[in-house]
Amino acid sequence: MVTSITSFSHTGLRDWFIVRVTAVIIAAWFFTLLFFWLTHLHPNFPEWHHFFTHSGVRVFTLFAILSVVLHAWIGIWVVLTDYIKAIYLRLLLQVSTILLLIGYGGWAAKIVWG
């Protein structure tokens, strides 16, 4: 079996499962926000602030952020491995993507918990 240096040991079944689970978490978070918005017809800043300062919503939002990061990584990894055949360019793009996603995820977590 040939192992690619830039594959990061992805298996199709594991990736498929992670993408499905993260999609469900993202959808549940979206529908939670939609439900809040529909039950508070025109929410103002204090209502949103009260909603997002609840620790359960913060934890759920943190899981949603992590889900978006994982979902994006798997999607970008698939595209890069399918279309970028030059190994060093693909590795550079994958490392850049990882750093960006970690940065964006950390920034979003700081906003939620800050």
PDB file of N, CA and C in Angstrom:
ATOM      1  N   MET A   1       0.840  -1.176   0.000  1.00  0.00           N
ATOM      2  CA  MET A   1       0.000   0.000   0.000  1.00  0.00           C
ATOM      3  C   MET A   1       0.887   1.241   0.000  1.00  0.00           C
ATOM      4  N   VAL A   2       0.567   2.184  -0.846  1.00  0.00           N
ATOM      5  CA  VAL A   2       1.325   3.420  -0.946  1.00  0.00           C
ATOM      6  C   VAL A   2       0.691   4.465  -0.043  1.00  0.00           C
ATOM      7  N   THR A   3       1.505   5.106   0.778  1.00  0.00           N
ATOM      8  CA  THR A   3       1.008   6.136   1.675  1.00  0.00           C
ATOM      9  C   THR A   3       1.509   7.487   1.194  1.00  0.00           C
ATOM     10  N   SER A   4       0.615   8.422   1.044  1.00  0.00           N
ATOM     11  CA  SER A   4       0.995   9.769   0.628  1.00  0.00           C
ATOM     12  C   SER A   4       1.375  10.581   1.853  1.00  0.00           C
ATOM     13  N   ILE A   5       2.390  11.394   1.708  1.00  0.00           N
ATOM     14  CA  ILE A   5       2.857  12.212   2.834  1.00  0.00           C
ATOM     15  C   ILE A   5       1.828  13.271   3.221  1.00  0.00           C
ATOM     16  N   THR A   6       0.998  13.668   2.268  1.00  0.00           N
ATOM     17  CA  THR A   6       0.032  14.730   2.557  1.00  0.00           C
ATOM     18  C   THR A   6      -1.371  14.201   2.811  1.00  0.00           C
ATOM     19  N   SER A   7      -1.519  12.917   3.025  1.00  0.00           N
ATOM     20  CA  SER A   7      -2.869  12.369   3.200  1.00  0.00           C
ATOM     21  C   SER A   7      -3.398  12.579   4.612  1.00  0.00           C
ATOM     22  N   PHE A   8      -2.530  12.726   5.603  1.00  0.00           N
ATOM     23  CA  PHE A   8      -2.931  12.898   7.007  1.00  0.00           C
ATOM     24  C   PHE A   8      -3.865  11.774   7.454  1.00  0.00           C
ATOM     25  N   SER A   9      -3.704  10.576   6.926  1.00  0.00           N
ATOM     26  CA  SER A   9      -4.431   9.357   7.316  1.00  0.00           C
ATOM     27  C   SER A   9      -5.944   9.507   7.278  1.00  0.00           C
ATOM     28  N   HIS A  10      -6.473  10.058   6.254  1.00  0.00           N
ATOM     29  CA  HIS A  10      -7.924  10.163   6.144  1.00  0.00           C
ATOM     30  C   HIS A  10      -8.495   8.841   5.649  1.00  0.00           C
ATOM     31  N   THR A  11      -9.598   8.447   6.241  1.00  0.00           N
ATOM     32  CA  THR A  11     -10.334   7.303   5.734  1.00  0.00           C
ATOM     33  C   THR A  11     -11.694   7.803   5.298  1.00  0.00           C
ATOM     34  N   GLY A  12     -12.190   7.233   4.227  1.00  0.00           N
ATOM     35  CA  GLY A  12     -13.452   7.698   3.669  1.00  0.00           C
ATOM     36  C   GLY A  12     -14.621   7.571   4.617  1.00  0.00           C
ATOM     37  N   LEU A  13     -14.727   6.444   5.313  1.00  0.00           N
ATOM     38  CA  LEU A  13     -15.851   6.229   6.210  1.00  0.00           C
ATOM     39  C   LEU A  13     -15.809   7.189   7.397  1.00  0.00           C
ATOM     40  N   ARG A  14     -14.625   7.378   7.963  1.00  0.00           N
ATOM     41  CA  ARG A  14     -14.498   8.312   9.093  1.00  0.00           C
ATOM     42  C   ARG A  14     -14.844   9.736   8.672  1.00  0.00           C
ATOM     43  N   ASP A  15     -14.327  10.156   7.528  1.00  0.00           N
ATOM     44  CA  ASP A  15     -14.629  11.504   7.037  1.00  0.00           C
ATOM     45  C   ASP A  15     -16.110  11.663   6.741  1.00  0.00           C
ATOM     46  N   TRP A  16     -16.704  10.663   6.121  1.00  0.00           N
ATOM     47  CA  TRP A  16     -18.138  10.703   5.820  1.00  0.00           C
ATOM     48  C   TRP A  16     -18.941  10.871   7.116  1.00  0.00           C
ATOM     49  N   PHE A  17     -18.582  10.109   8.135  1.00  0.00           N
ATOM     50  CA  PHE A  17     -19.293  10.171   9.416  1.00  0.00           C
ATOM     51  C   PHE A  17     -19.103  11.532  10.077  1.00  0.00           C
ATOM     52  N   ILE A  18     -17.879  12.055  10.081  1.00  0.00           N
ATOM     53  CA  ILE A  18     -17.616  13.359  10.703  1.00  0.00           C
ATOM     54  C   ILE A  18     -18.386  14.458   9.995  1.00  0.00           C
ATOM     55  N   VAL A  19     -18.416  14.419   8.672  1.00  0.00           N
ATOM     56  CA  VAL A  19     -19.147  15.441   7.916  1.00  0.00           C
ATOM     57  C   VAL A  19     -20.632  15.383   8.244  1.00  0.00           C
ATOM     58  N   ARG A  20     -21.192  14.179   8.362  1.00  0.00           N
ATOM     59  CA  ARG A  20     -22.619  14.058   8.684  1.00  0.00           C
ATOM     60  C   ARG A  20     -22.916  14.550  10.102  1.00  0.00           C
ATOM     61  N   VAL A  21     -22.095  14.187  11.056  1.00  0.00           N
ATOM     62  CA  VAL A  21     -22.315  14.609  12.445  1.00  0.00           C
ATOM     63  C   VAL A  21     -22.156  16.122  12.573  1.00  0.00           C
ATOM     64  N   THR A  22     -21.122  16.678  11.953  1.00  0.00           N
ATOM     65  CA  THR A  22     -20.936  18.126  12.042  1.00  0.00           C
ATOM     66  C   THR A  22     -22.066  18.873  11.348  1.00  0.00           C
ATOM     67  N   ALA A  23     -22.576  18.327  10.254  1.00  0.00           N
ATOM     68  CA  ALA A  23     -23.710  18.967   9.570  1.00  0.00           C
ATOM     69  C   ALA A  23     -24.942  18.990  10.464  1.00  0.00           C
ATOM     70  N   VAL A  24     -25.169  17.924  11.210  1.00  0.00           N
ATOM     71  CA  VAL A  24     -26.311  17.881  12.131  1.00  0.00           C
ATOM     72  C   VAL A  24     -26.128  18.909  13.250  1.00  0.00           C
ATOM     73  N   ILE A  25     -24.925  19.021  13.790  1.00  0.00           N
ATOM     74  CA  ILE A  25     -24.662  19.993  14.858  1.00  0.00           C
ATOM     75  C   ILE A  25     -24.851  21.415  14.339  1.00  0.00           C
ATOM     76  N   ILE A  26     -24.334  21.706  13.157  1.00  0.00           N
ATOM     77  CA  ILE A  26     -24.487  23.039  12.566  1.00  0.00           C
ATOM     78  C   ILE A  26     -25.959  23.346  12.323  1.00  0.00           C
ATOM     79  N   ALA A  27     -26.696  22.374  11.793  1.00  0.00           N
ATOM     80  CA  ALA A  27     -28.130  22.578  11.542  1.00  0.00           C
ATOM     81  C   ALA A  27     -28.895  22.782  12.844  1.00  0.00           C
ATOM     82  N   ALA A  28     -28.561  22.003  13.878  1.00  0.00           N
ATOM     83  CA  ALA A  28     -29.238  22.166  15.173  1.00  0.00           C
ATOM     84  C   ALA A  28     -28.963  23.543  15.752  1.00  0.00           C
ATOM     85  N   TRP A  29     -27.723  24.022  15.625  1.00  0.00           N
ATOM     86  CA  TRP A  29     -27.384  25.367  16.115  1.00  0.00           C
ATOM     87  C   TRP A  29     -28.158  26.424  15.349  1.00  0.00           C
ATOM     88  N   PHE A  30     -28.223  26.270  14.021  1.00  0.00           N
ATOM     89  CA  PHE A  30     -28.962  27.220  13.193  1.00  0.00           C
ATOM     90  C   PHE A  30     -30.441  27.254  13.581  1.00  0.00           C
ATOM     91  N   PHE A  31     -31.049  26.078  13.747  1.00  0.00           N
ATOM     92  CA  PHE A  31     -32.462  26.043  14.094  1.00  0.00           C
ATOM     93  C   PHE A  31     -32.724  26.546  15.518  1.00  0.00           C
ATOM     94  N   THR A  32     -31.747  26.404  16.405  1.00  0.00           N
ATOM     95  CA  THR A  32     -31.875  26.991  17.734  1.00  0.00           C
ATOM     96  C   THR A  32     -31.913  28.514  17.644  1.00  0.00           C
ATOM     97  N   LEU A  33     -31.020  29.079  16.841  1.00  0.00           N
ATOM     98  CA  LEU A  33     -31.029  30.526  16.645  1.00  0.00           C
ATOM     99  C   LEU A  33     -32.312  30.981  15.945  1.00  0.00           C
ATOM    100  N   LEU A  34     -32.756  30.219  14.964  1.00  0.00           N
ATOM    101  CA  LEU A  34     -33.990  30.556  14.265  1.00  0.00           C
ATOM    102  C   LEU A  34     -35.184  30.517  15.214  1.00  0.00           C
ATOM    103  N   PHE A  35     -35.227  29.516  16.075  1.00  0.00           N
ATOM    104  CA  PHE A  35     -36.304  29.410  17.052  1.00  0.00           C
ATOM    105  C   PHE A  35     -36.290  30.615  18.001  1.00  0.00           C
ATOM    106  N   PHE A  36     -35.118  30.987  18.473  1.00  0.00           N
ATOM    107  CA  PHE A  36     -35.022  32.157  19.352  1.00  0.00           C
ATOM    108  C   PHE A  36     -35.510  33.399  18.625  1.00  0.00           C
ATOM    109  N   TRP A  37     -35.058  33.568  17.395  1.00  0.00           N
ATOM    110  CA  TRP A  37     -35.435  34.751  16.634  1.00  0.00           C
ATOM    111  C   TRP A  37     -36.938  34.794  16.373  1.00  0.00           C
ATOM    112  N   LEU A  38     -37.558  33.640  16.083  1.00  0.00           N
ATOM    113  CA  LEU A  38     -38.994  33.599  15.816  1.00  0.00           C
ATOM    114  C   LEU A  38     -39.834  33.788  17.078  1.00  0.00           C
ATOM    115  N   THR A  39     -39.328  33.369  18.228  1.00  0.00           N
ATOM    116  CA  THR A  39     -40.079  33.518  19.476  1.00  0.00           C
ATOM    117  C   THR A  39     -39.895  34.897  20.101  1.00  0.00           C
ATOM    118  N   HIS A  40     -38.894  35.619  19.692  1.00  0.00           N
ATOM    119  CA  HIS A  40     -38.669  36.998  20.125  1.00  0.00           C
ATOM    120  C   HIS A  40     -38.742  37.849  18.861  1.00  0.00           C
ATOM    121  N   LEU A  41     -39.941  38.292  18.532  1.00  0.00           N
ATOM    122  CA  LEU A  41     -40.201  38.856  17.208  1.00  0.00           C
ATOM    123  C   LEU A  41     -39.153  39.834  16.710  1.00  0.00           C
ATOM    124  N   HIS A  42     -38.809  40.809  17.497  1.00  0.00           N
ATOM    125  CA  HIS A  42     -37.751  41.743  17.111  1.00  0.00           C
ATOM    126  C   HIS A  42     -36.770  41.849  18.272  1.00  0.00           C
ATOM    127  N   PRO A  43     -35.889  40.845  18.396  1.00  0.00           N
ATOM    128  CA  PRO A  43     -34.979  40.869  19.550  1.00  0.00           C
ATOM    129  C   PRO A  43     -34.014  42.044  19.468  1.00  0.00           C
ATOM    130  N   ASN A  44     -33.832  42.672  20.598  1.00  0.00           N
ATOM    131  CA  ASN A  44     -32.888  43.775  20.668  1.00  0.00           C
ATOM    132  C   ASN A  44     -31.576  43.271  21.267  1.00  0.00           C
ATOM    133  N   PHE A  45     -30.626  44.155  21.400  1.00  0.00           N
ATOM    134  CA  PHE A  45     -29.311  43.751  21.882  1.00  0.00           C
ATOM    135  C   PHE A  45     -29.346  43.082  23.257  1.00  0.00           C
ATOM    136  N   PRO A  46     -30.081  43.635  24.251  1.00  0.00           N
ATOM    137  CA  PRO A  46     -30.091  42.969  25.558  1.00  0.00           C
ATOM    138  C   PRO A  46     -30.645  41.541  25.504  1.00  0.00           C
ATOM    139  N   GLU A  47     -31.639  41.281  24.643  1.00  0.00           N
ATOM    140  CA  GLU A  47     -32.165  39.912  24.527  1.00  0.00           C
ATOM    141  C   GLU A  47     -31.131  38.971  23.906  1.00  0.00           C
ATOM    142  N   TRP A  48     -30.467  39.426  22.837  1.00  0.00           N
ATOM    143  CA  TRP A  48     -29.418  38.611  22.230  1.00  0.00           C
ATOM    144  C   TRP A  48     -28.276  38.387  23.220  1.00  0.00           C
ATOM    145  N   HIS A  49     -27.905  39.444  23.922  1.00  0.00           N
ATOM    146  CA  HIS A  49     -26.817  39.338  24.896  1.00  0.00           C
ATOM    147  C   HIS A  49     -27.183  38.334  25.992  1.00  0.00           C
ATOM    148  N   HIS A  50     -28.394  38.410  26.502  1.00  0.00           N
ATOM    149  CA  HIS A  50     -28.842  37.472  27.527  1.00  0.00           C
ATOM    150  C   HIS A  50     -28.847  36.040  26.979  1.00  0.00           C
ATOM    151  N   PHE A  51     -29.278  35.877  25.744  1.00  0.00           N
ATOM    152  CA  PHE A  51     -29.310  34.552  25.120  1.00  0.00           C
ATOM    153  C   PHE A  51     -27.903  33.970  25.007  1.00  0.00           C
ATOM    154  N   PHE A  52     -26.962  34.780  24.500  1.00  0.00           N
ATOM    155  CA  PHE A  52     -25.614  34.271  24.263  1.00  0.00           C
ATOM    156  C   PHE A  52     -24.743  34.224  25.509  1.00  0.00           C
ATOM    157  N   THR A  53     -25.156  34.833  26.614  1.00  0.00           N
ATOM    158  CA  THR A  53     -24.377  34.705  27.842  1.00  0.00           C
ATOM    159  C   THR A  53     -24.768  33.477  28.648  1.00  0.00           C
ATOM    160  N   HIS A  54     -25.824  32.807  28.246  1.00  0.00           N
ATOM    161  CA  HIS A  54     -26.195  31.550  28.901  1.00  0.00           C
ATOM    162  C   HIS A  54     -25.114  30.518  28.584  1.00  0.00           C
ATOM    163  N   SER A  55     -24.609  29.842  29.603  1.00  0.00           N
ATOM    164  CA  SER A  55     -23.484  28.930  29.396  1.00  0.00           C
ATOM    165  C   SER A  55     -23.821  27.769  28.463  1.00  0.00           C
ATOM    166  N   GLY A  56     -25.070  27.323  28.466  1.00  0.00           N
ATOM    167  CA  GLY A  56     -25.462  26.250  27.550  1.00  0.00           C
ATOM    168  C   GLY A  56     -25.367  26.679  26.102  1.00  0.00           C
ATOM    169  N   VAL A  57     -25.780  27.907  25.810  1.00  0.00           N
ATOM    170  CA  VAL A  57     -25.690  28.427  24.447  1.00  0.00           C
ATOM    171  C   VAL A  57     -24.232  28.625  24.056  1.00  0.00           C
ATOM    172  N   ARG A  58     -23.425  29.074  25.003  1.00  0.00           N
ATOM    173  CA  ARG A  58     -21.996  29.249  24.708  1.00  0.00           C
ATOM    174  C   ARG A  58     -21.327  27.921  24.372  1.00  0.00           C
ATOM    175  N   VAL A  59     -21.619  26.891  25.153  1.00  0.00           N
ATOM    176  CA  VAL A  59     -21.034  25.581  24.886  1.00  0.00           C
ATOM    177  C   VAL A  59     -21.535  25.044  23.548  1.00  0.00           C
ATOM    178  N   PHE A  60     -22.831  25.186  23.289  1.00  0.00           N
ATOM    179  CA  PHE A  60     -23.403  24.739  22.029  1.00  0.00           C
ATOM    180  C   PHE A  60     -22.776  25.499  20.860  1.00  0.00           C
ATOM    181  N   THR A  61     -22.560  26.795  21.025  1.00  0.00           N
ATOM    182  CA  THR A  61     -21.925  27.598  19.988  1.00  0.00           C
ATOM    183  C   THR A  61     -20.481  27.168  19.780  1.00  0.00           C
ATOM    184  N   LEU A  62     -19.797  26.819  20.854  1.00  0.00           N
ATOM    185  CA  LEU A  62     -18.429  26.320  20.730  1.00  0.00           C
ATOM    186  C   LEU A  62     -18.402  25.008  19.942  1.00  0.00           C
ATOM    187  N   PHE A  63     -19.347  24.112  20.211  1.00  0.00           N
ATOM    188  CA  PHE A  63     -19.455  22.874  19.429  1.00  0.00           C
ATOM    189  C   PHE A  63     -19.776  23.183  17.968  1.00  0.00           C
ATOM    190  N   ALA A  64     -20.609  24.180  17.727  1.00  0.00           N
ATOM    191  CA  ALA A  64     -20.931  24.568  16.354  1.00  0.00           C
ATOM    192  C   ALA A  64     -19.695  25.120  15.640  1.00  0.00           C
ATOM    193  N   ILE A  65     -18.901  25.922  16.346  1.00  0.00           N
ATOM    194  CA  ILE A  65     -17.668  26.454  15.756  1.00  0.00           C
ATOM    195  C   ILE A  65     -16.713  25.316  15.418  1.00  0.00           C
ATOM    196  N   LEU A  66     -16.526  24.390  16.346  1.00  0.00           N
ATOM    197  CA  LEU A  66     -15.667  23.240  16.094  1.00  0.00           C
ATOM    198  C   LEU A  66     -16.202  22.414  14.922  1.00  0.00           C
ATOM    199  N   SER A  67     -17.507  22.286  14.835  1.00  0.00           N
ATOM    200  CA  SER A  67     -18.115  21.537  13.737  1.00  0.00           C
ATOM    201  C   SER A  67     -17.858  22.216  12.397  1.00  0.00           C
ATOM    202  N   VAL A  68     -17.968  23.535  12.360  1.00  0.00           N
ATOM    203  CA  VAL A  68     -17.696  24.267  11.116  1.00  0.00           C
ATOM    204  C   VAL A  68     -16.234  24.088  10.706  1.00  0.00           C
ATOM    205  N   VAL A  69     -15.330  24.158  11.667  1.00  0.00           N
ATOM    206  CA  VAL A  69     -13.910  23.993  11.363  1.00  0.00           C
ATOM    207  C   VAL A  69     -13.632  22.590  10.819  1.00  0.00           C
ATOM    208  N   LEU A  70     -14.146  21.558  11.476  1.00  0.00           N
ATOM    209  CA  LEU A  70     -13.934  20.185  10.998  1.00  0.00           C
ATOM    210  C   LEU A  70     -14.585  19.958   9.638  1.00  0.00           C
ATOM    211  N   HIS A  71     -15.801  20.448   9.477  1.00  0.00           N
ATOM    212  CA  HIS A  71     -16.534  20.302   8.224  1.00  0.00           C
ATOM    213  C   HIS A  71     -15.767  20.976   7.086  1.00  0.00           C
ATOM    214  N   ALA A  72     -15.284  22.190   7.338  1.00  0.00           N
ATOM    215  CA  ALA A  72     -14.526  22.919   6.318  1.00  0.00           C
ATOM    216  C   ALA A  72     -13.214  22.210   5.995  1.00  0.00           C
ATOM    217  N   TRP A  73     -12.520  21.719   7.025  1.00  0.00           N
ATOM    218  CA  TRP A  73     -11.246  21.048   6.789  1.00  0.00           C
ATOM    219  C   TRP A  73     -11.432  19.824   5.900  1.00  0.00           C
ATOM    220  N   ILE A  74     -12.408  19.011   6.188  1.00  0.00           N
ATOM    221  CA  ILE A  74     -12.610  17.806   5.386  1.00  0.00           C
ATOM    222  C   ILE A  74     -12.980  18.180   3.952  1.00  0.00           C
ATOM    223  N   GLY A  75     -13.846  19.159   3.784  1.00  0.00           N
ATOM    224  CA  GLY A  75     -14.221  19.578   2.436  1.00  0.00           C
ATOM    225  C   GLY A  75     -13.043  20.127   1.654  1.00  0.00           C
ATOM    226  N   ILE A  76     -12.244  20.972   2.292  1.00  0.00           N
ATOM    227  CA  ILE A  76     -11.088  21.555   1.602  1.00  0.00           C
ATOM    228  C   ILE A  76     -10.034  20.490   1.346  1.00  0.00           C
ATOM    229  N   TRP A  77      -9.846  19.567   2.283  1.00  0.00           N
ATOM    230  CA  TRP A  77      -8.881  18.491   2.100  1.00  0.00           C
ATOM    231  C   TRP A  77      -9.254  17.645   0.885  1.00  0.00           C
ATOM    232  N   VAL A  78     -10.517  17.333   0.744  1.00  0.00           N
ATOM    233  CA  VAL A  78     -10.965  16.527  -0.401  1.00  0.00           C
ATOM    234  C   VAL A  78     -10.698  17.264  -1.707  1.00  0.00           C
ATOM    235  N   VAL A  79     -11.033  18.543  -1.748  1.00  0.00           N
ATOM    236  CA  VAL A  79     -10.817  19.317  -2.974  1.00  0.00           C
ATOM    237  C   VAL A  79      -9.320  19.406  -3.298  1.00  0.00           C
ATOM    238  N   LEU A  80      -8.501  19.684  -2.292  1.00  0.00           N
ATOM    239  CA  LEU A  80      -7.065  19.808  -2.541  1.00  0.00           C
ATOM    240  C   LEU A  80      -6.454  18.496  -3.000  1.00  0.00           C
ATOM    241  N   THR A  81      -6.829  17.393  -2.379  1.00  0.00           N
ATOM    242  CA  THR A  81      -6.244  16.119  -2.784  1.00  0.00           C
ATOM    243  C   THR A  81      -6.758  15.659  -4.147  1.00  0.00           C
ATOM    244  N   ASP A  82      -7.937  16.101  -4.537  1.00  0.00           N
ATOM    245  CA  ASP A  82      -8.462  15.721  -5.849  1.00  0.00           C
ATOM    246  C   ASP A  82      -7.878  16.568  -6.980  1.00  0.00           C
ATOM    247  N   TYR A  83      -7.639  17.853  -6.736  1.00  0.00           N
ATOM    248  CA  TYR A  83      -7.304  18.754  -7.834  1.00  0.00           C
ATOM    249  C   TYR A  83      -5.887  19.294  -7.833  1.00  0.00           C
ATOM    250  N   ILE A  84      -5.190  19.252  -6.719  1.00  0.00           N
ATOM    251  CA  ILE A  84      -3.806  19.749  -6.678  1.00  0.00           C
ATOM    252  C   ILE A  84      -2.882  18.533  -6.637  1.00  0.00           C
ATOM    253  N   LYS A  85      -2.222  18.279  -7.752  1.00  0.00           N
ATOM    254  CA  LYS A  85      -1.383  17.077  -7.858  1.00  0.00           C
ATOM    255  C   LYS A  85       0.058  17.324  -7.428  1.00  0.00           C
ATOM    256  N   ALA A  86       0.514  18.569  -7.449  1.00  0.00           N
ATOM    257  CA  ALA A  86       1.869  18.877  -7.011  1.00  0.00           C
ATOM    258  C   ALA A  86       1.928  18.755  -5.489  1.00  0.00           C
ATOM    259  N   ILE A  87       2.744  17.834  -5.006  1.00  0.00           N
ATOM    260  CA  ILE A  87       2.757  17.492  -3.585  1.00  0.00           C
ATOM    261  C   ILE A  87       3.115  18.688  -2.702  1.00  0.00           C
ATOM    262  N   TYR A  88       4.156  19.432  -3.058  1.00  0.00           N
ATOM    263  CA  TYR A  88       4.589  20.540  -2.198  1.00  0.00           C
ATOM    264  C   TYR A  88       3.577  21.685  -2.192  1.00  0.00           C
ATOM    265  N   LEU A  89       2.957  21.940  -3.328  1.00  0.00           N
ATOM    266  CA  LEU A  89       1.919  22.967  -3.378  1.00  0.00           C
ATOM    267  C   LEU A  89       0.710  22.546  -2.546  1.00  0.00           C
ATOM    268  N   ARG A  90       0.343  21.277  -2.684  1.00  0.00           N
ATOM    269  CA  ARG A  90      -0.786  20.763  -1.898  1.00  0.00           C
ATOM    270  C   ARG A  90      -0.476  20.819  -0.411  1.00  0.00           C
ATOM    271  N   LEU A  91       0.729  20.446  -0.022  1.00  0.00           N
ATOM    272  CA  LEU A  91       1.122  20.496   1.379  1.00  0.00           C
ATOM    273  C   LEU A  91       1.101  21.934   1.892  1.00  0.00           C
ATOM    274  N   LEU A  92       1.599  22.867   1.105  1.00  0.00           N
ATOM    275  CA  LEU A  92       1.577  24.277   1.487  1.00  0.00           C
ATOM    276  C   LEU A  92       0.138  24.767   1.671  1.00  0.00           C
ATOM    277  N   LEU A  93      -0.735  24.412   0.749  1.00  0.00           N
ATOM    278  CA  LEU A  93      -2.134  24.824   0.843  1.00  0.00           C
ATOM    279  C   LEU A  93      -2.842  24.167   2.030  1.00  0.00           C
ATOM    280  N   GLN A  94      -2.516  22.912   2.298  1.00  0.00           N
ATOM    281  CA  GLN A  94      -3.130  22.218   3.436  1.00  0.00           C
ATOM    282  C   GLN A  94      -2.674  22.825   4.759  1.00  0.00           C
ATOM    283  N   VAL A  95      -1.407  23.102   4.896  1.00  0.00           N
ATOM    284  CA  VAL A  95      -0.895  23.707   6.132  1.00  0.00           C
ATOM    285  C   VAL A  95      -1.464  25.110   6.299  1.00  0.00           C
ATOM    286  N   SER A  96      -1.545  25.868   5.211  1.00  0.00           N
ATOM    287  CA  SER A  96      -2.140  27.207   5.270  1.00  0.00           C
ATOM    288  C   SER A  96      -3.598  27.135   5.697  1.00  0.00           C
ATOM    289  N   THR A  97      -4.318  26.165   5.153  1.00  0.00           N
ATOM    290  CA  THR A  97      -5.724  25.990   5.512  1.00  0.00           C
ATOM    291  C   THR A  97      -5.872  25.618   6.972  1.00  0.00           C
ATOM    292  N   ILE A  98      -5.033  24.719   7.450  1.00  0.00           N
ATOM    293  CA  ILE A  98      -5.088  24.319   8.860  1.00  0.00           C
ATOM    294  C   ILE A  98      -4.846  25.530   9.759  1.00  0.00           C
ATOM    295  N   LEU A  99      -3.831  26.318   9.438  1.00  0.00           N
ATOM    296  CA  LEU A  99      -3.528  27.494  10.257  1.00  0.00           C
ATOM    297  C   LEU A  99      -4.673  28.506  10.227  1.00  0.00           C
ATOM    298  N   LEU A 100      -5.251  28.726   9.049  1.00  0.00           N
ATOM    299  CA  LEU A 100      -6.385  29.645   8.947  1.00  0.00           C
ATOM    300  C   LEU A 100      -7.583  29.147   9.741  1.00  0.00           C
ATOM    301  N   LEU A 101      -7.896  27.873   9.608  1.00  0.00           N
ATOM    302  CA  LEU A 101      -9.058  27.332  10.328  1.00  0.00           C
ATOM    303  C   LEU A 101      -8.852  27.372  11.838  1.00  0.00           C
ATOM    304  N   ILE A 102      -7.638  27.077  12.303  1.00  0.00           N
ATOM    305  CA  ILE A 102      -7.359  27.178  13.734  1.00  0.00           C
ATOM    306  C   ILE A 102      -7.484  28.632  14.183  1.00  0.00           C
ATOM    307  N   GLY A 103      -6.958  29.542  13.376  1.00  0.00           N
ATOM    308  CA  GLY A 103      -7.064  30.962  13.713  1.00  0.00           C
ATOM    309  C   GLY A 103      -8.509  31.441  13.746  1.00  0.00           C
ATOM    310  N   TYR A 104      -9.283  31.087  12.728  1.00  0.00           N
ATOM    311  CA  TYR A 104     -10.689  31.494  12.690  1.00  0.00           C
ATOM    312  C   TYR A 104     -11.487  30.860  13.828  1.00  0.00           C
ATOM    313  N   GLY A 105     -11.222  29.587  14.096  1.00  0.00           N
ATOM    314  CA  GLY A 105     -11.921  28.912  15.192  1.00  0.00           C
ATOM    315  C   GLY A 105     -11.582  29.520  16.539  1.00  0.00           C
ATOM    316  N   GLY A 106     -10.304  29.830  16.751  1.00  0.00           N
ATOM    317  CA  GLY A 106      -9.897  30.481  17.996  1.00  0.00           C
ATOM    318  C   GLY A 106     -10.478  31.873  18.143  1.00  0.00           C
ATOM    319  N   TRP A 107     -10.514  32.600  17.044  1.00  0.00           N
ATOM    320  CA  TRP A 107     -11.077  33.946  17.048  1.00  0.00           C
ATOM    321  C   TRP A 107     -12.569  33.890  17.377  1.00  0.00           C
ATOM    322  N   ALA A 108     -13.286  32.959  16.748  1.00  0.00           N
ATOM    323  CA  ALA A 108     -14.721  32.814  17.024  1.00  0.00           C
ATOM    324  C   ALA A 108     -14.959  32.409  18.473  1.00  0.00           C
ATOM    325  N   ALA A 109     -14.144  31.490  18.992  1.00  0.00           N
ATOM    326  CA  ALA A 109     -14.288  31.073  20.391  1.00  0.00           C
ATOM    327  C   ALA A 109     -14.020  32.243  21.335  1.00  0.00           C
ATOM    328  N   LYS A 110     -13.040  33.077  20.988  1.00  0.00           N
ATOM    329  CA  LYS A 110     -12.754  34.260  21.812  1.00  0.00           C
ATOM    330  C   LYS A 110     -13.928  35.223  21.803  1.00  0.00           C
ATOM    331  N   ILE A 111     -14.577  35.379  20.663  1.00  0.00           N
ATOM    332  CA  ILE A 111     -15.742  36.257  20.579  1.00  0.00           C
ATOM    333  C   ILE A 111     -16.869  35.719  21.447  1.00  0.00           C
ATOM    334  N   VAL A 112     -17.110  34.409  21.406  1.00  0.00           N
ATOM    335  CA  VAL A 112     -18.198  33.805  22.171  1.00  0.00           C
ATOM    336  C   VAL A 112     -17.917  33.867  23.664  1.00  0.00           C
ATOM    337  N   TRP A 113     -16.691  33.579  24.065  1.00  0.00           N
ATOM    338  CA  TRP A 113     -16.360  33.507  25.490  1.00  0.00           C
ATOM    339  C   TRP A 113     -15.748  34.795  26.027  1.00  0.00           C
ATOM    340  N   GLY A 114     -15.548  35.807  25.157  1.00  0.00           N
ATOM    341  CA  GLY A 114     -14.870  37.028  25.582  1.00  0.00           C
ATOM    342  C   GLY A 114     -15.733  38.017  26.275  1.00  0.00           C
TER     343      GLY A 114
END
